[in-house]
Amino acid sequence: MKIRTIKELLDAKVICCEEGLERHVYSACGSDMMSDVLAYVKDQAVLLTGLVNSQVIRTAEMMDMNCIVFVRSKMPTAEMIELARDSGIVLLATNKRMYEACGLLYSNGLVGNRVKHV
């Protein structure tokens, strides 16, 4: 799914890196726990989160993510925007709650990563 489609489905505002809207993401992850993101995310994923601190950007960078969507009208700090811009990570913000945002993306074909059961 193109990041532009995610923006439209979530009625999201582009915060930075608008030039990346034509890139594709292949899965999504909704979490406020960066340890879960590090453990379970693979492929070119979009991260949906309500967490607003620089670790979100650093985690996305480490996991080679193309896009972060801040839910619940959360807005990143200037420092976070600069970090994302330096890494080319598209930042979006939506007023939707995480449950609704994830549901919209899933129902429109964006899958989650499969979790292996122990």
PDB file of N, CA and C in Angstrom:
ATOM      1  N   MET A   1       0.848  -1.175   0.000  1.00  0.00           N
ATOM      2  CA  MET A   1       0.000   0.000   0.000  1.00  0.00           C
ATOM      3  C   MET A   1       0.894   1.239   0.000  1.00  0.00           C
ATOM      4  N   LYS A   2       0.530   2.207  -0.805  1.00  0.00           N
ATOM      5  CA  LYS A   2       1.296   3.454  -0.821  1.00  0.00           C
ATOM      6  C   LYS A   2       1.004   4.267   0.442  1.00  0.00           C
ATOM      7  N   ILE A   3       2.003   4.999   0.890  1.00  0.00           N
ATOM      8  CA  ILE A   3       1.836   5.857   2.062  1.00  0.00           C
ATOM      9  C   ILE A   3       0.758   6.901   1.786  1.00  0.00           C
ATOM     10  N   ARG A   4       0.639   7.355   0.564  1.00  0.00           N
ATOM     11  CA  ARG A   4      -0.414   8.313   0.207  1.00  0.00           C
ATOM     12  C   ARG A   4      -1.804   7.736   0.509  1.00  0.00           C
ATOM     13  N   THR A   5      -1.986   6.447   0.245  1.00  0.00           N
ATOM     14  CA  THR A   5      -3.266   5.787   0.528  1.00  0.00           C
ATOM     15  C   THR A   5      -3.527   5.750   2.028  1.00  0.00           C
ATOM     16  N   ILE A   6      -2.488   5.479   2.805  1.00  0.00           N
ATOM     17  CA  ILE A   6      -2.617   5.493   4.266  1.00  0.00           C
ATOM     18  C   ILE A   6      -3.062   6.873   4.730  1.00  0.00           C
ATOM     19  N   LYS A   7      -2.433   7.902   4.202  1.00  0.00           N
ATOM     20  CA  LYS A   7      -2.787   9.281   4.540  1.00  0.00           C
ATOM     21  C   LYS A   7      -4.260   9.543   4.271  1.00  0.00           C
ATOM     22  N   GLU A   8      -4.725   9.104   3.104  1.00  0.00           N
ATOM     23  CA  GLU A   8      -6.124   9.337   2.726  1.00  0.00           C
ATOM     24  C   GLU A   8      -7.091   8.525   3.580  1.00  0.00           C
ATOM     25  N   LEU A   9      -6.788   7.246   3.819  1.00  0.00           N
ATOM     26  CA  LEU A   9      -7.674   6.399   4.614  1.00  0.00           C
ATOM     27  C   LEU A   9      -7.831   6.911   6.041  1.00  0.00           C
ATOM     28  N   LEU A  10      -6.747   7.452   6.582  1.00  0.00           N
ATOM     29  CA  LEU A  10      -6.771   7.912   7.973  1.00  0.00           C
ATOM     30  C   LEU A  10      -7.059   9.397   8.096  1.00  0.00           C
ATOM     31  N   ASP A  11      -7.303  10.053   6.958  1.00  0.00           N
ATOM     32  CA  ASP A  11      -7.529  11.500   6.961  1.00  0.00           C
ATOM     33  C   ASP A  11      -6.420  12.185   7.769  1.00  0.00           C
ATOM     34  N   ALA A  12      -5.187  11.808   7.443  1.00  0.00           N
ATOM     35  CA  ALA A  12      -4.018  12.241   8.207  1.00  0.00           C
ATOM     36  C   ALA A  12      -3.351  13.464   7.596  1.00  0.00           C
ATOM     37  N   LYS A  13      -2.665  14.174   8.441  1.00  0.00           N
ATOM     38  CA  LYS A  13      -1.880  15.344   8.033  1.00  0.00           C
ATOM     39  C   LYS A  13      -0.420  14.912   7.876  1.00  0.00           C
ATOM     40  N   VAL A  14       0.229  15.383   6.810  1.00  0.00           N
ATOM     41  CA  VAL A  14       1.655  15.107   6.623  1.00  0.00           C
ATOM     42  C   VAL A  14       2.452  16.098   7.464  1.00  0.00           C
ATOM     43  N   ILE A  15       3.319  15.570   8.306  1.00  0.00           N
ATOM     44  CA  ILE A  15       4.152  16.417   9.161  1.00  0.00           C
ATOM     45  C   ILE A  15       5.507  16.657   8.519  1.00  0.00           C
ATOM     46  N   CYS A  16       6.072  15.619   7.922  1.00  0.00           N
ATOM     47  CA  CYS A  16       7.337  15.801   7.199  1.00  0.00           C
ATOM     48  C   CYS A  16       7.533  14.706   6.169  1.00  0.00           C
ATOM     49  N   CYS A  17       8.421  14.977   5.250  1.00  0.00           N
ATOM     50  CA  CYS A  17       8.843  14.053   4.191  1.00  0.00           C
ATOM     51  C   CYS A  17       7.718  13.701   3.224  1.00  0.00           C
ATOM     52  N   GLU A  18       6.963  14.709   2.820  1.00  0.00           N
ATOM     53  CA  GLU A  18       5.861  14.524   1.878  1.00  0.00           C
ATOM     54  C   GLU A  18       6.318  13.867   0.580  1.00  0.00           C
ATOM     55  N   GLU A  19       7.581  14.058   0.237  1.00  0.00           N
ATOM     56  CA  GLU A  19       8.110  13.458  -0.989  1.00  0.00           C
ATOM     57  C   GLU A  19       8.106  11.928  -0.924  1.00  0.00           C
ATOM     58  N   GLY A  20       7.920  11.346   0.259  1.00  0.00           N
ATOM     59  CA  GLY A  20       7.898   9.892   0.409  1.00  0.00           C
ATOM     60  C   GLY A  20       6.520   9.272   0.303  1.00  0.00           C
ATOM     61  N   LEU A  21       5.502  10.048  -0.021  1.00  0.00           N
ATOM     62  CA  LEU A  21       4.137   9.528  -0.055  1.00  0.00           C
ATOM     63  C   LEU A  21       3.908   8.453  -1.113  1.00  0.00           C
ATOM     64  N   GLU A  22       4.760   8.369  -2.112  1.00  0.00           N
ATOM     65  CA  GLU A  22       4.582   7.358  -3.162  1.00  0.00           C
ATOM     66  C   GLU A  22       5.278   6.037  -2.823  1.00  0.00           C
ATOM     67  N   ARG A  23       5.997   5.995  -1.705  1.00  0.00           N
ATOM     68  CA  ARG A  23       6.650   4.745  -1.296  1.00  0.00           C
ATOM     69  C   ARG A  23       5.604   3.739  -0.831  1.00  0.00           C
ATOM     70  N   HIS A  24       5.980   2.477  -0.888  1.00  0.00           N
ATOM     71  CA  HIS A  24       5.090   1.394  -0.472  1.00  0.00           C
ATOM     72  C   HIS A  24       5.467   0.887   0.911  1.00  0.00           C
ATOM     73  N   VAL A  25       4.451   0.476   1.662  1.00  0.00           N
ATOM     74  CA  VAL A  25       4.658  -0.282   2.898  1.00  0.00           C
ATOM     75  C   VAL A  25       3.892  -1.585   2.734  1.00  0.00           C
ATOM     76  N   TYR A  26       4.375  -2.629   3.366  1.00  0.00           N
ATOM     77  CA  TYR A  26       3.814  -3.964   3.147  1.00  0.00           C
ATOM     78  C   TYR A  26       3.150  -4.553   4.381  1.00  0.00           C
ATOM     79  N   SER A  27       3.303  -3.882   5.509  1.00  0.00           N
ATOM     80  CA  SER A  27       2.661  -4.350   6.730  1.00  0.00           C
ATOM     81  C   SER A  27       2.556  -3.178   7.694  1.00  0.00           C
ATOM     82  N   ALA A  28       1.798  -3.387   8.763  1.00  0.00           N
ATOM     83  CA  ALA A  28       1.609  -2.331   9.756  1.00  0.00           C
ATOM     84  C   ALA A  28       1.762  -2.905  11.153  1.00  0.00           C
ATOM     85  N   CYS A  29       2.116  -2.019  12.066  1.00  0.00           N
ATOM     86  CA  CYS A  29       2.253  -2.384  13.469  1.00  0.00           C
ATOM     87  C   CYS A  29       1.687  -1.240  14.300  1.00  0.00           C
ATOM     88  N   GLY A  30       0.782  -1.541  15.202  1.00  0.00           N
ATOM     89  CA  GLY A  30       0.243  -0.537  16.106  1.00  0.00           C
ATOM     90  C   GLY A  30       0.727  -0.821  17.511  1.00  0.00           C
ATOM     91  N   SER A  31       1.541   0.070  18.077  1.00  0.00           N
ATOM     92  CA  SER A  31       2.081  -0.167  19.414  1.00  0.00           C
ATOM     93  C   SER A  31       2.640   1.104  20.021  1.00  0.00           C
ATOM     94  N   ASP A  32       2.507   1.196  21.334  1.00  0.00           N
ATOM     95  CA  ASP A  32       3.176   2.246  22.095  1.00  0.00           C
ATOM     96  C   ASP A  32       4.401   1.684  22.808  1.00  0.00           C
ATOM     97  N   MET A  33       4.655   0.395  22.624  1.00  0.00           N
ATOM     98  CA  MET A  33       5.809  -0.261  23.255  1.00  0.00           C
ATOM     99  C   MET A  33       6.867  -0.536  22.189  1.00  0.00           C
ATOM    100  N   MET A  34       7.949   0.212  22.224  1.00  0.00           N
ATOM    101  CA  MET A  34       8.974   0.071  21.205  1.00  0.00           C
ATOM    102  C   MET A  34       9.672  -1.285  21.286  1.00  0.00           C
ATOM    103  N   SER A  35       9.654  -1.922  22.449  1.00  0.00           N
ATOM    104  CA  SER A  35      10.239  -3.263  22.561  1.00  0.00           C
ATOM    105  C   SER A  35       9.455  -4.259  21.704  1.00  0.00           C
ATOM    106  N   ASP A  36       8.130  -4.116  21.630  1.00  0.00           N
ATOM    107  CA  ASP A  36       7.334  -4.982  20.762  1.00  0.00           C
ATOM    108  C   ASP A  36       7.643  -4.716  19.292  1.00  0.00           C
ATOM    109  N   VAL A  37       7.824  -3.468  18.950  1.00  0.00           N
ATOM    110  CA  VAL A  37       8.164  -3.116  17.573  1.00  0.00           C
ATOM    111  C   VAL A  37       9.489  -3.774  17.194  1.00  0.00           C
ATOM    112  N   LEU A  38      10.462  -3.675  18.067  1.00  0.00           N
ATOM    113  CA  LEU A  38      11.773  -4.282  17.794  1.00  0.00           C
ATOM    114  C   LEU A  38      11.677  -5.800  17.670  1.00  0.00           C
ATOM    115  N   ALA A  39      10.788  -6.409  18.435  1.00  0.00           N
ATOM    116  CA  ALA A  39      10.678  -7.873  18.444  1.00  0.00           C
ATOM    117  C   ALA A  39       9.894  -8.431  17.266  1.00  0.00           C
ATOM    118  N   TYR A  40       8.895  -7.694  16.776  1.00  0.00           N
ATOM    119  CA  TYR A  40       7.962  -8.295  15.836  1.00  0.00           C
ATOM    120  C   TYR A  40       7.906  -7.697  14.445  1.00  0.00           C
ATOM    121  N   VAL A  41       8.451  -6.531  14.225  1.00  0.00           N
ATOM    122  CA  VAL A  41       8.292  -5.880  12.923  1.00  0.00           C
ATOM    123  C   VAL A  41       9.330  -6.379  11.926  1.00  0.00           C
ATOM    124  N   LYS A  42       8.836  -6.663  10.729  1.00  0.00           N
ATOM    125  CA  LYS A  42       9.717  -7.048   9.623  1.00  0.00           C
ATOM    126  C   LYS A  42       9.208  -6.342   8.373  1.00  0.00           C
ATOM    127  N   ASP A  43       9.968  -6.380   7.322  1.00  0.00           N
ATOM    128  CA  ASP A  43       9.573  -5.792   6.045  1.00  0.00           C
ATOM    129  C   ASP A  43       9.385  -4.280   6.164  1.00  0.00           C
ATOM    130  N   GLN A  44       8.937  -3.682   5.095  1.00  0.00           N
ATOM    131  CA  GLN A  44       8.697  -2.232   5.080  1.00  0.00           C
ATOM    132  C   GLN A  44       7.361  -1.967   5.748  1.00  0.00           C
ATOM    133  N   ALA A  45       7.395  -1.604   7.012  1.00  0.00           N
ATOM    134  CA  ALA A  45       6.177  -1.446   7.798  1.00  0.00           C
ATOM    135  C   ALA A  45       5.912   0.016   8.132  1.00  0.00           C
ATOM    136  N   VAL A  46       4.648   0.277   8.423  1.00  0.00           N
ATOM    137  CA  VAL A  46       4.246   1.568   8.964  1.00  0.00           C
ATOM    138  C   VAL A  46       3.958   1.338  10.448  1.00  0.00           C
ATOM    139  N   LEU A  47       4.401   2.263  11.275  1.00  0.00           N
ATOM    140  CA  LEU A  47       4.171   2.184  12.719  1.00  0.00           C
ATOM    141  C   LEU A  47       3.072   3.159  13.100  1.00  0.00           C
ATOM    142  N   LEU A  48       2.049   2.677  13.780  1.00  0.00           N
ATOM    143  CA  LEU A  48       1.012   3.528  14.339  1.00  0.00           C
ATOM    144  C   LEU A  48       1.233   3.574  15.842  1.00  0.00           C
ATOM    145  N   THR A  49       1.316   4.781  16.394  1.00  0.00           N
ATOM    146  CA  THR A  49       1.626   4.917  17.809  1.00  0.00           C
ATOM    147  C   THR A  49       1.068   6.211  18.379  1.00  0.00           C
ATOM    148  N   GLY A  50       0.867   6.201  19.666  1.00  0.00           N
ATOM    149  CA  GLY A  50       0.495   7.411  20.389  1.00  0.00           C
ATOM    150  C   GLY A  50       1.647   7.894  21.243  1.00  0.00           C
ATOM    151  N   LEU A  51       2.768   7.201  21.165  1.00  0.00           N
ATOM    152  CA  LEU A  51       3.961   7.559  21.942  1.00  0.00           C
ATOM    153  C   LEU A  51       4.701   8.694  21.240  1.00  0.00           C
ATOM    154  N   VAL A  52       5.018   9.722  21.979  1.00  0.00           N
ATOM    155  CA  VAL A  52       5.677  10.885  21.390  1.00  0.00           C
ATOM    156  C   VAL A  52       7.003  11.127  22.120  1.00  0.00           C
ATOM    157  N   ASN A  53       8.047  10.441  21.653  1.00  0.00           N
ATOM    158  CA  ASN A  53       9.405  10.729  22.101  1.00  0.00           C
ATOM    159  C   ASN A  53      10.384  10.279  21.018  1.00  0.00           C
ATOM    160  N   SER A  54      11.608  10.696  21.140  1.00  0.00           N
ATOM    161  CA  SER A  54      12.580  10.450  20.063  1.00  0.00           C
ATOM    162  C   SER A  54      12.879   8.964  19.857  1.00  0.00           C
ATOM    163  N   GLN A  55      12.601   8.118  20.849  1.00  0.00           N
ATOM    164  CA  GLN A  55      12.847   6.684  20.686  1.00  0.00           C
ATOM    165  C   GLN A  55      11.968   6.076  19.593  1.00  0.00           C
ATOM    166  N   VAL A  56      10.804   6.674  19.352  1.00  0.00           N
ATOM    167  CA  VAL A  56       9.929   6.197  18.285  1.00  0.00           C
ATOM    168  C   VAL A  56      10.646   6.335  16.939  1.00  0.00           C
ATOM    169  N   ILE A  57      11.247   7.483  16.709  1.00  0.00           N
ATOM    170  CA  ILE A  57      11.950   7.722  15.439  1.00  0.00           C
ATOM    171  C   ILE A  57      13.169   6.810  15.347  1.00  0.00           C
ATOM    172  N   ARG A  58      13.908   6.703  16.423  1.00  0.00           N
ATOM    173  CA  ARG A  58      15.113   5.860  16.410  1.00  0.00           C
ATOM    174  C   ARG A  58      14.762   4.391  16.174  1.00  0.00           C
ATOM    175  N   THR A  59      13.675   3.927  16.780  1.00  0.00           N
ATOM    176  CA  THR A  59      13.235   2.546  16.572  1.00  0.00           C
ATOM    177  C   THR A  59      12.834   2.330  15.120  1.00  0.00           C
ATOM    178  N   ALA A  60      12.050   3.245  14.571  1.00  0.00           N
ATOM    179  CA  ALA A  60      11.628   3.133  13.169  1.00  0.00           C
ATOM    180  C   ALA A  60      12.836   3.130  12.232  1.00  0.00           C
ATOM    181  N   GLU A  61      13.813   3.945  12.549  1.00  0.00           N
ATOM    182  CA  GLU A  61      15.033   3.994  11.732  1.00  0.00           C
ATOM    183  C   GLU A  61      15.760   2.655  11.782  1.00  0.00           C
ATOM    184  N   MET A  62      15.901   2.082  12.982  1.00  0.00           N
ATOM    185  CA  MET A  62      16.583   0.787  13.127  1.00  0.00           C
ATOM    186  C   MET A  62      15.862  -0.332  12.387  1.00  0.00           C
ATOM    187  N   MET A  63      14.538  -0.239  12.329  1.00  0.00           N
ATOM    188  CA  MET A  63      13.732  -1.285  11.698  1.00  0.00           C
ATOM    189  C   MET A  63      13.467  -1.004  10.221  1.00  0.00           C
ATOM    190  N   ASP A  64      14.102   0.031   9.683  1.00  0.00           N
ATOM    191  CA  ASP A  64      13.979   0.381   8.269  1.00  0.00           C
ATOM    192  C   ASP A  64      12.529   0.650   7.870  1.00  0.00           C
ATOM    193  N   MET A  65      11.801   1.356   8.734  1.00  0.00           N
ATOM    194  CA  MET A  65      10.405   1.702   8.456  1.00  0.00           C
ATOM    195  C   MET A  65      10.348   2.962   7.616  1.00  0.00           C
ATOM    196  N   ASN A  66       9.319   3.061   6.796  1.00  0.00           N
ATOM    197  CA  ASN A  66       9.153   4.212   5.908  1.00  0.00           C
ATOM    198  C   ASN A  66       8.244   5.290   6.467  1.00  0.00           C
ATOM    199  N   CYS A  67       7.396   4.922   7.446  1.00  0.00           N
ATOM    200  CA  CYS A  67       6.344   5.842   7.860  1.00  0.00           C
ATOM    201  C   CYS A  67       5.934   5.601   9.311  1.00  0.00           C
ATOM    202  N   ILE A  68       5.642   6.685  10.011  1.00  0.00           N
ATOM    203  CA  ILE A  68       5.081   6.629  11.360  1.00  0.00           C
ATOM    204  C   ILE A  68       3.797   7.450  11.344  1.00  0.00           C
ATOM    205  N   VAL A  69       2.734   6.876  11.890  1.00  0.00           N
ATOM    206  CA  VAL A  69       1.469   7.590  12.028  1.00  0.00           C
ATOM    207  C   VAL A  69       1.215   7.805  13.516  1.00  0.00           C
ATOM    208  N   PHE A  70       1.089   9.055  13.911  1.00  0.00           N
ATOM    209  CA  PHE A  70       0.754   9.378  15.298  1.00  0.00           C
ATOM    210  C   PHE A  70      -0.759   9.440  15.407  1.00  0.00           C
ATOM    211  N   VAL A  71      -1.317   8.641  16.306  1.00  0.00           N
ATOM    212  CA  VAL A  71      -2.765   8.566  16.488  1.00  0.00           C
ATOM    213  C   VAL A  71      -3.205   9.479  17.630  1.00  0.00           C
ATOM    214  N   ARG A  72      -4.512   9.610  17.789  1.00  0.00           N
ATOM    215  CA  ARG A  72      -5.107  10.399  18.881  1.00  0.00           C
ATOM    216  C   ARG A  72      -4.629  11.847  18.893  1.00  0.00           C
ATOM    217  N   SER A  73      -4.425  12.412  17.715  1.00  0.00           N
ATOM    218  CA  SER A  73      -4.020  13.816  17.568  1.00  0.00           C
ATOM    219  C   SER A  73      -2.688  14.147  18.241  1.00  0.00           C
ATOM    220  N   LYS A  74      -1.866  13.138  18.482  1.00  0.00           N
ATOM    221  CA  LYS A  74      -0.537  13.364  19.064  1.00  0.00           C
ATOM    222  C   LYS A  74       0.348  14.010  18.002  1.00  0.00           C
ATOM    223  N   MET A  75       1.209  14.909  18.438  1.00  0.00           N
ATOM    224  CA  MET A  75       2.113  15.588  17.510  1.00  0.00           C
ATOM    225  C   MET A  75       3.549  15.415  17.985  1.00  0.00           C
ATOM    226  N   PRO A  76       4.455  15.077  17.070  1.00  0.00           N
ATOM    227  CA  PRO A  76       5.863  14.917  17.437  1.00  0.00           C
ATOM    228  C   PRO A  76       6.510  16.267  17.745  1.00  0.00           C
ATOM    229  N   THR A  77       7.582  16.208  18.502  1.00  0.00           N
ATOM    230  CA  THR A  77       8.333  17.414  18.830  1.00  0.00           C
ATOM    231  C   THR A  77       9.179  17.840  17.638  1.00  0.00           C
ATOM    232  N   ALA A  78       9.716  19.040  17.719  1.00  0.00           N
ATOM    233  CA  ALA A  78      10.601  19.542  16.656  1.00  0.00           C
ATOM    234  C   ALA A  78      11.823  18.634  16.504  1.00  0.00           C
ATOM    235  N   GLU A  79      12.350  18.140  17.613  1.00  0.00           N
ATOM    236  CA  GLU A  79      13.501  17.228  17.569  1.00  0.00           C
ATOM    237  C   GLU A  79      13.141  15.946  16.818  1.00  0.00           C
ATOM    238  N   MET A  80      11.962  15.410  17.078  1.00  0.00           N
ATOM    239  CA  MET A  80      11.525  14.193  16.404  1.00  0.00           C
ATOM    240  C   MET A  80      11.354  14.421  14.899  1.00  0.00           C
ATOM    241  N   ILE A  81      10.794  15.553  14.549  1.00  0.00           N
ATOM    242  CA  ILE A  81      10.595  15.877  13.134  1.00  0.00           C
ATOM    243  C   ILE A  81      11.936  15.978  12.419  1.00  0.00           C
ATOM    244  N   GLU A  82      12.899  16.591  13.064  1.00  0.00           N
ATOM    245  CA  GLU A  82      14.237  16.714  12.476  1.00  0.00           C
ATOM    246  C   GLU A  82      14.891  15.343  12.303  1.00  0.00           C
ATOM    247  N   LEU A  83      14.775  14.480  13.304  1.00  0.00           N
ATOM    248  CA  LEU A  83      15.326  13.121  13.200  1.00  0.00           C
ATOM    249  C   LEU A  83      14.671  12.358  12.046  1.00  0.00           C
ATOM    250  N   ALA A  84      13.355  12.475  11.929  1.00  0.00           N
ATOM    251  CA  ALA A  84      12.635  11.787  10.857  1.00  0.00           C
ATOM    252  C   ALA A  84      13.048  12.333   9.499  1.00  0.00           C
ATOM    253  N   ARG A  85      13.163  13.639   9.394  1.00  0.00           N
ATOM    254  CA  ARG A  85      13.574  14.269   8.134  1.00  0.00           C
ATOM    255  C   ARG A  85      14.968  13.770   7.738  1.00  0.00           C
ATOM    256  N   ASP A  86      15.878  13.696   8.695  1.00  0.00           N
ATOM    257  CA  ASP A  86      17.236  13.216   8.410  1.00  0.00           C
ATOM    258  C   ASP A  86      17.244  11.770   7.909  1.00  0.00           C
ATOM    259  N   SER A  87      16.262  10.981   8.374  1.00  0.00           N
ATOM    260  CA  SER A  87      16.183   9.570   7.993  1.00  0.00           C
ATOM    261  C   SER A  87      15.236   9.314   6.835  1.00  0.00           C
ATOM    262  N   GLY A  88      14.517  10.343   6.396  1.00  0.00           N
ATOM    263  CA  GLY A  88      13.578  10.174   5.294  1.00  0.00           C
ATOM    264  C   GLY A  88      12.315   9.415   5.678  1.00  0.00           C
ATOM    265  N   ILE A  89      11.954   9.444   6.955  1.00  0.00           N
ATOM    266  CA  ILE A  89      10.756   8.746   7.435  1.00  0.00           C
ATOM    267  C   ILE A  89       9.568   9.703   7.359  1.00  0.00           C
ATOM    268  N   VAL A  90       8.528   9.286   6.654  1.00  0.00           N
ATOM    269  CA  VAL A  90       7.321  10.099   6.540  1.00  0.00           C
ATOM    270  C   VAL A  90       6.602  10.089   7.891  1.00  0.00           C
ATOM    271  N   LEU A  91       6.246  11.269   8.384  1.00  0.00           N
ATOM    272  CA  LEU A  91       5.461  11.382   9.611  1.00  0.00           C
ATOM    273  C   LEU A  91       4.065  11.870   9.261  1.00  0.00           C
ATOM    274  N   LEU A  92       3.072  11.146   9.766  1.00  0.00           N
ATOM    275  CA  LEU A  92       1.671  11.516   9.590  1.00  0.00           C
ATOM    276  C   LEU A  92       1.020  11.631  10.967  1.00  0.00           C
ATOM    277  N   ALA A  93      -0.038  12.416  11.059  1.00  0.00           N
ATOM    278  CA  ALA A  93      -0.807  12.518  12.302  1.00  0.00           C
ATOM    279  C   ALA A  93      -2.289  12.427  11.969  1.00  0.00           C
ATOM    280  N   THR A  94      -3.014  11.637  12.753  1.00  0.00           N
ATOM    281  CA  THR A  94      -4.452  11.478  12.576  1.00  0.00           C
ATOM    282  C   THR A  94      -5.149  11.666  13.912  1.00  0.00           C
ATOM    283  N   ASN A  95      -6.402  12.092  13.863  1.00  0.00           N
ATOM    284  CA  ASN A  95      -7.149  12.219  15.103  1.00  0.00           C
ATOM    285  C   ASN A  95      -7.820  10.910  15.490  1.00  0.00           C
ATOM    286  N   LYS A  96      -7.709   9.897  14.655  1.00  0.00           N
ATOM    287  CA  LYS A  96      -8.311   8.595  14.947  1.00  0.00           C
ATOM    288  C   LYS A  96      -7.562   7.891  16.076  1.00  0.00           C
ATOM    289  N   ARG A  97      -8.284   7.065  16.807  1.00  0.00           N
ATOM    290  CA  ARG A  97      -7.654   6.243  17.849  1.00  0.00           C
ATOM    291  C   ARG A  97      -6.939   5.073  17.188  1.00  0.00           C
ATOM    292  N   MET A  98      -6.029   4.463  17.910  1.00  0.00           N
ATOM    293  CA  MET A  98      -5.217   3.394  17.329  1.00  0.00           C
ATOM    294  C   MET A  98      -6.084   2.246  16.809  1.00  0.00           C
ATOM    295  N   TYR A  99      -7.080   1.838  17.576  1.00  0.00           N
ATOM    296  CA  TYR A  99      -7.930   0.719  17.175  1.00  0.00           C
ATOM    297  C   TYR A  99      -8.597   0.998  15.835  1.00  0.00           C
ATOM    298  N   GLU A 100      -9.170   2.168  15.689  1.00  0.00           N
ATOM    299  CA  GLU A 100      -9.854   2.532  14.456  1.00  0.00           C
ATOM    300  C   GLU A 100      -8.871   2.643  13.291  1.00  0.00           C
ATOM    301  N   ALA A 101      -7.739   3.292  13.523  1.00  0.00           N
ATOM    302  CA  ALA A 101      -6.742   3.470  12.465  1.00  0.00           C
ATOM    303  C   ALA A 101      -6.216   2.124  11.968  1.00  0.00           C
ATOM    304  N   CYS A 102      -5.876   1.238  12.889  1.00  0.00           N
ATOM    305  CA  CYS A 102      -5.394  -0.087  12.492  1.00  0.00           C
ATOM    306  C   CYS A 102      -6.478  -0.847  11.746  1.00  0.00           C
ATOM    307  N   GLY A 103      -7.721  -0.759  12.223  1.00  0.00           N
ATOM    308  CA  GLY A 103      -8.832  -1.445  11.571  1.00  0.00           C
ATOM    309  C   GLY A 103      -9.063  -0.962  10.154  1.00  0.00           C
ATOM    310  N   LEU A 104      -8.973   0.348   9.952  1.00  0.00           N
ATOM    311  CA  LEU A 104      -9.139   0.905   8.606  1.00  0.00           C
ATOM    312  C   LEU A 104      -8.063   0.391   7.656  1.00  0.00           C
ATOM    313  N   LEU A 105      -6.826   0.386   8.116  1.00  0.00           N
ATOM    314  CA  LEU A 105      -5.740  -0.085   7.256  1.00  0.00           C
ATOM    315  C   LEU A 105      -5.875  -1.572   6.967  1.00  0.00           C
ATOM    316  N   TYR A 106      -6.214  -2.355   7.983  1.00  0.00           N
ATOM    317  CA  TYR A 106      -6.366  -3.799   7.811  1.00  0.00           C
ATOM    318  C   TYR A 106      -7.510  -4.115   6.849  1.00  0.00           C
ATOM    319  N   SER A 107      -8.641  -3.444   7.040  1.00  0.00           N
ATOM    320  CA  SER A 107      -9.804  -3.727   6.192  1.00  0.00           C
ATOM    321  C   SER A 107      -9.594  -3.272   4.745  1.00  0.00           C
ATOM    322  N   ASN A 108      -8.581  -2.464   4.528  1.00  0.00           N
ATOM    323  CA  ASN A 108      -8.247  -2.031   3.165  1.00  0.00           C
ATOM    324  C   ASN A 108      -7.030  -2.758   2.602  1.00  0.00           C
ATOM    325  N   GLY A 109      -6.638  -3.856   3.259  1.00  0.00           N
ATOM    326  CA  GLY A 109      -5.638  -4.750   2.680  1.00  0.00           C
ATOM    327  C   GLY A 109      -4.234  -4.694   3.248  1.00  0.00           C
ATOM    328  N   LEU A 110      -3.969  -3.816   4.201  1.00  0.00           N
ATOM    329  CA  LEU A 110      -2.620  -3.771   4.777  1.00  0.00           C
ATOM    330  C   LEU A 110      -2.556  -4.770   5.927  1.00  0.00           C
ATOM    331  N   VAL A 111      -1.689  -5.734   5.815  1.00  0.00           N
ATOM    332  CA  VAL A 111      -1.616  -6.824   6.799  1.00  0.00           C
ATOM    333  C   VAL A 111      -0.680  -6.477   7.945  1.00  0.00           C
ATOM    334  N   GLY A 112      -0.789  -7.239   9.011  1.00  0.00           N
ATOM    335  CA  GLY A 112       0.159  -7.145  10.119  1.00  0.00           C
ATOM    336  C   GLY A 112       1.220  -8.214   9.952  1.00  0.00           C
ATOM    337  N   ASN A 113       2.264  -8.129  10.739  1.00  0.00           N
ATOM    338  CA  ASN A 113       3.278  -9.165  10.744  1.00  0.00           C
ATOM    339  C   ASN A 113       2.758 -10.373  11.505  1.00  0.00           C
ATOM    340  N   ARG A 114       3.100 -11.531  11.063  1.00  0.00           N
ATOM    341  CA  ARG A 114       2.681 -12.759  11.739  1.00  0.00           C
ATOM    342  C   ARG A 114       3.541 -12.969  12.989  1.00  0.00           C
ATOM    343  N   VAL A 115       2.908 -13.306  14.083  1.00  0.00           N
ATOM    344  CA  VAL A 115       3.604 -13.588  15.335  1.00  0.00           C
ATOM    345  C   VAL A 115       3.733 -15.104  15.471  1.00  0.00           C
ATOM    346  N   LYS A 116       4.938 -15.584  15.736  1.00  0.00           N
ATOM    347  CA  LYS A 116       5.151 -17.001  15.944  1.00  0.00           C
ATOM    348  C   LYS A 116       4.779 -17.350  17.375  1.00  0.00           C
ATOM    349  N   HIS A 117       3.980 -18.400  17.533  1.00  0.00           N
ATOM    350  CA  HIS A 117       3.595 -18.840  18.858  1.00  0.00           C
ATOM    351  C   HIS A 117       4.633 -19.812  19.389  1.00  0.00           C
ATOM    352  N   VAL A 118       4.896 -19.710  20.678  1.00  0.00           N
ATOM    353  CA  VAL A 118       5.879 -20.598  21.307  1.00  0.00           C
ATOM    354  C   VAL A 118       5.238 -21.835  21.862  1.00  0.00           C
TER     355      VAL A 118
END
